[in-house]
Amino acid sequence: MGIVAAMTETEDVTTNSDDADAKAHEAVIDEALRLIDTGLSDLMHRELVSTDEVSDLLLDVRMLLTAAEMAAGSGPLVEAPVGA
């Protein structure tokens, strides 16, 4: 059979974070979802959407999530940006 090992390192965030951290993460996720829902509802009523508008929405969500990670004291979500 060969060597069997986990391909990625995982962490159970439900047991390793205290109650305050869990609530803070939930608030950030709720805010990100609100941004996505608002952006999608604005874009659904149009036939054409520019790539600038879509990228702005994605950047807003990314900045929100990155700021929350940095405020929590941990490193960034990824070590290198996608496409670098």
N, C-alpha and C. Protein backbone atom coordinates (compact mmCIF):
# COMPACT_ATOMS: atom_id res chain seq x y z
N MET A 1 0.81 -1.18 0.00
CA MET A 1 0.00 0.00 0.00
C MET A 1 0.86 1.24 0.00
N GLY A 2 1.80 1.53 0.66
CA GLY A 2 2.53 2.78 0.63
C GLY A 2 2.24 3.61 1.86
N ILE A 3 2.83 4.77 1.88
CA ILE A 3 2.69 5.66 3.02
C ILE A 3 1.41 6.48 2.87
N VAL A 4 0.62 6.49 3.93
CA VAL A 4 -0.61 7.27 3.93
C VAL A 4 -0.42 8.43 4.90
N ALA A 5 -0.55 9.66 4.40
CA ALA A 5 -0.39 10.83 5.24
C ALA A 5 -1.41 11.89 4.81
N ALA A 6 -1.73 12.76 5.72
CA ALA A 6 -2.65 13.85 5.41
C ALA A 6 -1.99 14.79 4.41
N MET A 7 -2.77 15.25 3.44
CA MET A 7 -2.23 16.13 2.41
C MET A 7 -2.14 17.57 2.89
N THR A 8 -3.02 17.99 3.76
CA THR A 8 -2.99 19.35 4.26
C THR A 8 -3.11 19.34 5.77
N GLU A 9 -2.59 20.37 6.35
CA GLU A 9 -2.69 20.53 7.79
C GLU A 9 -4.00 21.25 8.10
N THR A 10 -4.80 20.72 8.99
CA THR A 10 -6.08 21.34 9.32
C THR A 10 -6.15 21.64 10.80
N GLU A 11 -7.02 22.56 11.14
CA GLU A 11 -7.22 22.94 12.53
C GLU A 11 -8.72 23.03 12.77
N ASP A 12 -9.17 22.42 13.85
CA ASP A 12 -10.59 22.48 14.19
C ASP A 12 -10.85 23.80 14.90
N VAL A 13 -11.41 24.76 14.19
CA VAL A 13 -11.62 26.08 14.76
C VAL A 13 -12.76 26.11 15.77
N THR A 14 -13.58 25.09 15.79
CA THR A 14 -14.69 25.10 16.74
C THR A 14 -14.23 24.77 18.15
N THR A 15 -13.12 24.07 18.30
CA THR A 15 -12.66 23.71 19.64
C THR A 15 -11.44 24.49 20.07
N ASN A 16 -10.68 25.09 19.15
CA ASN A 16 -9.45 25.77 19.49
C ASN A 16 -9.61 27.26 19.78
N SER A 17 -10.75 27.82 19.50
CA SER A 17 -10.94 29.25 19.77
C SER A 17 -11.92 29.42 20.91
N ASP A 18 -11.67 30.49 21.69
CA ASP A 18 -12.59 30.73 22.79
C ASP A 18 -13.85 31.41 22.28
N ASP A 19 -14.77 31.65 23.18
CA ASP A 19 -16.10 32.15 22.80
C ASP A 19 -16.03 33.53 22.15
N ALA A 20 -15.18 34.41 22.66
CA ALA A 20 -15.07 35.77 22.10
C ALA A 20 -14.52 35.73 20.68
N ASP A 21 -13.49 34.90 20.45
CA ASP A 21 -12.94 34.78 19.10
C ASP A 21 -13.96 34.20 18.14
N ALA A 22 -14.72 33.22 18.60
CA ALA A 22 -15.74 32.61 17.74
C ALA A 22 -16.80 33.64 17.35
N LYS A 23 -17.21 34.47 18.30
CA LYS A 23 -18.21 35.50 18.00
C LYS A 23 -17.64 36.55 17.05
N ALA A 24 -16.37 36.89 17.21
CA ALA A 24 -15.75 37.87 16.32
C ALA A 24 -15.67 37.31 14.90
N HIS A 25 -15.31 36.04 14.77
CA HIS A 25 -15.25 35.41 13.44
C HIS A 25 -16.64 35.34 12.82
N GLU A 26 -17.64 35.04 13.61
CA GLU A 26 -19.01 35.00 13.10
C GLU A 26 -19.45 36.38 12.62
N ALA A 27 -19.07 37.43 13.36
CA ALA A 27 -19.43 38.79 12.96
C ALA A 27 -18.77 39.16 11.64
N VAL A 28 -17.52 38.77 11.47
CA VAL A 28 -16.82 39.07 10.22
C VAL A 28 -17.46 38.32 9.06
N ILE A 29 -17.78 37.07 9.26
CA ILE A 29 -18.42 36.28 8.21
C ILE A 29 -19.80 36.85 7.88
N ASP A 30 -20.55 37.25 8.90
CA ASP A 30 -21.85 37.87 8.66
C ASP A 30 -21.72 39.15 7.84
N GLU A 31 -20.70 39.96 8.16
CA GLU A 31 -20.48 41.20 7.41
C GLU A 31 -20.08 40.91 5.97
N ALA A 32 -19.23 39.90 5.77
CA ALA A 32 -18.83 39.52 4.41
C ALA A 32 -20.04 39.03 3.62
N LEU A 33 -20.88 38.24 4.24
CA LEU A 33 -22.09 37.77 3.57
C LEU A 33 -23.03 38.92 3.24
N ARG A 34 -23.11 39.90 4.13
CA ARG A 34 -23.95 41.07 3.87
C ARG A 34 -23.43 41.84 2.66
N LEU A 35 -22.10 42.01 2.60
CA LEU A 35 -21.50 42.68 1.45
C LEU A 35 -21.80 41.94 0.15
N ILE A 36 -21.66 40.63 0.18
CA ILE A 36 -21.92 39.81 -1.01
C ILE A 36 -23.38 39.91 -1.42
N ASP A 37 -24.28 39.77 -0.45
CA ASP A 37 -25.72 39.83 -0.76
C ASP A 37 -26.11 41.19 -1.33
N THR A 38 -25.58 42.27 -0.75
CA THR A 38 -25.89 43.61 -1.24
C THR A 38 -25.35 43.79 -2.66
N GLY A 39 -24.12 43.36 -2.88
CA GLY A 39 -23.53 43.48 -4.21
C GLY A 39 -24.27 42.68 -5.25
N LEU A 40 -24.64 41.46 -4.89
CA LEU A 40 -25.37 40.62 -5.83
C LEU A 40 -26.75 41.19 -6.14
N SER A 41 -27.43 41.70 -5.14
CA SER A 41 -28.76 42.25 -5.41
C SER A 41 -28.66 43.49 -6.30
N ASP A 42 -27.60 44.28 -6.15
CA ASP A 42 -27.41 45.44 -7.03
C ASP A 42 -27.11 45.00 -8.46
N LEU A 43 -26.35 43.92 -8.62
CA LEU A 43 -25.93 43.49 -9.94
C LEU A 43 -26.99 42.67 -10.67
N MET A 44 -27.91 42.06 -9.95
CA MET A 44 -28.90 41.17 -10.57
C MET A 44 -29.88 41.91 -11.47
N HIS A 45 -30.06 43.19 -11.23
CA HIS A 45 -31.05 43.95 -11.99
C HIS A 45 -30.49 44.50 -13.30
N ARG A 46 -29.27 44.13 -13.62
CA ARG A 46 -28.63 44.65 -14.82
C ARG A 46 -28.23 43.52 -15.75
N GLU A 47 -28.22 43.81 -17.03
CA GLU A 47 -27.82 42.80 -18.01
C GLU A 47 -26.32 42.70 -18.13
N LEU A 48 -25.63 43.83 -18.06
CA LEU A 48 -24.18 43.85 -18.18
C LEU A 48 -23.56 44.38 -16.90
N VAL A 49 -22.49 43.75 -16.49
CA VAL A 49 -21.77 44.17 -15.30
C VAL A 49 -20.29 44.25 -15.68
N SER A 50 -19.67 45.36 -15.35
CA SER A 50 -18.26 45.51 -15.71
C SER A 50 -17.38 44.67 -14.78
N THR A 51 -16.25 44.31 -15.30
CA THR A 51 -15.31 43.55 -14.48
C THR A 51 -14.80 44.39 -13.32
N ASP A 52 -14.76 45.70 -13.49
CA ASP A 52 -14.34 46.58 -12.40
C ASP A 52 -15.30 46.48 -11.21
N GLU A 53 -16.59 46.43 -11.48
CA GLU A 53 -17.58 46.33 -10.40
C GLU A 53 -17.47 45.00 -9.66
N VAL A 54 -17.26 43.93 -10.41
CA VAL A 54 -17.13 42.61 -9.79
C VAL A 54 -15.84 42.55 -8.98
N SER A 55 -14.75 43.06 -9.53
CA SER A 55 -13.49 43.02 -8.80
C SER A 55 -13.55 43.91 -7.56
N ASP A 56 -14.25 45.05 -7.62
CA ASP A 56 -14.43 45.88 -6.44
C ASP A 56 -15.15 45.14 -5.33
N LEU A 57 -16.20 44.41 -5.68
CA LEU A 57 -16.94 43.64 -4.70
C LEU A 57 -16.05 42.57 -4.07
N LEU A 58 -15.31 41.86 -4.89
CA LEU A 58 -14.42 40.82 -4.37
C LEU A 58 -13.32 41.41 -3.50
N LEU A 59 -12.77 42.55 -3.89
CA LEU A 59 -11.75 43.19 -3.09
C LEU A 59 -12.29 43.67 -1.75
N ASP A 60 -13.52 44.17 -1.73
CA ASP A 60 -14.14 44.58 -0.47
C ASP A 60 -14.25 43.41 0.49
N VAL A 61 -14.71 42.29 -0.02
CA VAL A 61 -14.85 41.09 0.82
C VAL A 61 -13.48 40.61 1.29
N ARG A 62 -12.50 40.61 0.38
CA ARG A 62 -11.15 40.16 0.74
C ARG A 62 -10.53 41.06 1.82
N MET A 63 -10.69 42.38 1.67
CA MET A 63 -10.14 43.31 2.66
C MET A 63 -10.79 43.11 4.02
N LEU A 64 -12.08 42.87 4.04
CA LEU A 64 -12.78 42.63 5.29
C LEU A 64 -12.25 41.39 5.99
N LEU A 65 -12.10 40.31 5.24
CA LEU A 65 -11.61 39.07 5.83
C LEU A 65 -10.15 39.17 6.23
N THR A 66 -9.33 39.84 5.44
CA THR A 66 -7.91 39.99 5.77
C THR A 66 -7.73 40.87 7.00
N ALA A 67 -8.49 41.95 7.09
CA ALA A 67 -8.39 42.83 8.26
C ALA A 67 -8.79 42.10 9.53
N ALA A 68 -9.79 41.24 9.44
CA ALA A 68 -10.22 40.47 10.61
C ALA A 68 -9.14 39.49 11.04
N GLU A 69 -8.48 38.85 10.09
CA GLU A 69 -7.40 37.91 10.41
C GLU A 69 -6.23 38.64 11.05
N MET A 70 -5.87 39.80 10.52
CA MET A 70 -4.74 40.55 11.08
C MET A 70 -5.08 41.09 12.46
N ALA A 71 -6.32 41.49 12.68
CA ALA A 71 -6.73 41.98 13.99
C ALA A 71 -6.72 40.87 15.03
N ALA A 72 -6.94 39.64 14.59
CA ALA A 72 -6.93 38.50 15.51
C ALA A 72 -5.52 38.11 15.89
N GLY A 73 -4.52 38.70 15.22
CA GLY A 73 -3.14 38.42 15.57
C GLY A 73 -2.52 37.26 14.83
N SER A 74 -3.27 36.63 13.97
CA SER A 74 -2.70 35.53 13.20
C SER A 74 -2.22 36.07 11.87
N GLY A 75 -1.51 35.26 11.15
CA GLY A 75 -0.97 35.64 9.86
C GLY A 75 -2.06 35.73 8.83
N PRO A 76 -1.70 36.05 7.60
CA PRO A 76 -2.68 36.13 6.53
C PRO A 76 -3.24 34.75 6.21
N LEU A 77 -4.38 34.75 5.54
CA LEU A 77 -5.04 33.49 5.20
C LEU A 77 -4.20 32.64 4.26
N VAL A 78 -3.48 33.28 3.35
CA VAL A 78 -2.60 32.58 2.43
C VAL A 78 -1.23 33.24 2.47
N GLU A 79 -0.19 32.47 2.16
CA GLU A 79 1.16 33.01 2.22
C GLU A 79 1.49 33.87 1.01
N ALA A 80 0.95 33.55 -0.15
CA ALA A 80 1.22 34.31 -1.37
C ALA A 80 -0.10 34.56 -2.08
N PRO A 81 -0.24 35.73 -2.70
CA PRO A 81 -1.48 35.99 -3.42
C PRO A 81 -1.63 35.06 -4.61
N VAL A 82 -2.86 34.84 -4.99
CA VAL A 82 -3.16 33.97 -6.13
C VAL A 82 -2.65 34.64 -7.40
N GLY A 83 -2.01 33.86 -8.24
CA GLY A 83 -1.50 34.38 -9.49
C GLY A 83 -0.13 35.02 -9.39
N ALA A 84 0.47 34.97 -8.22
CA ALA A 84 1.80 35.58 -8.06
C ALA A 84 2.89 34.65 -8.50
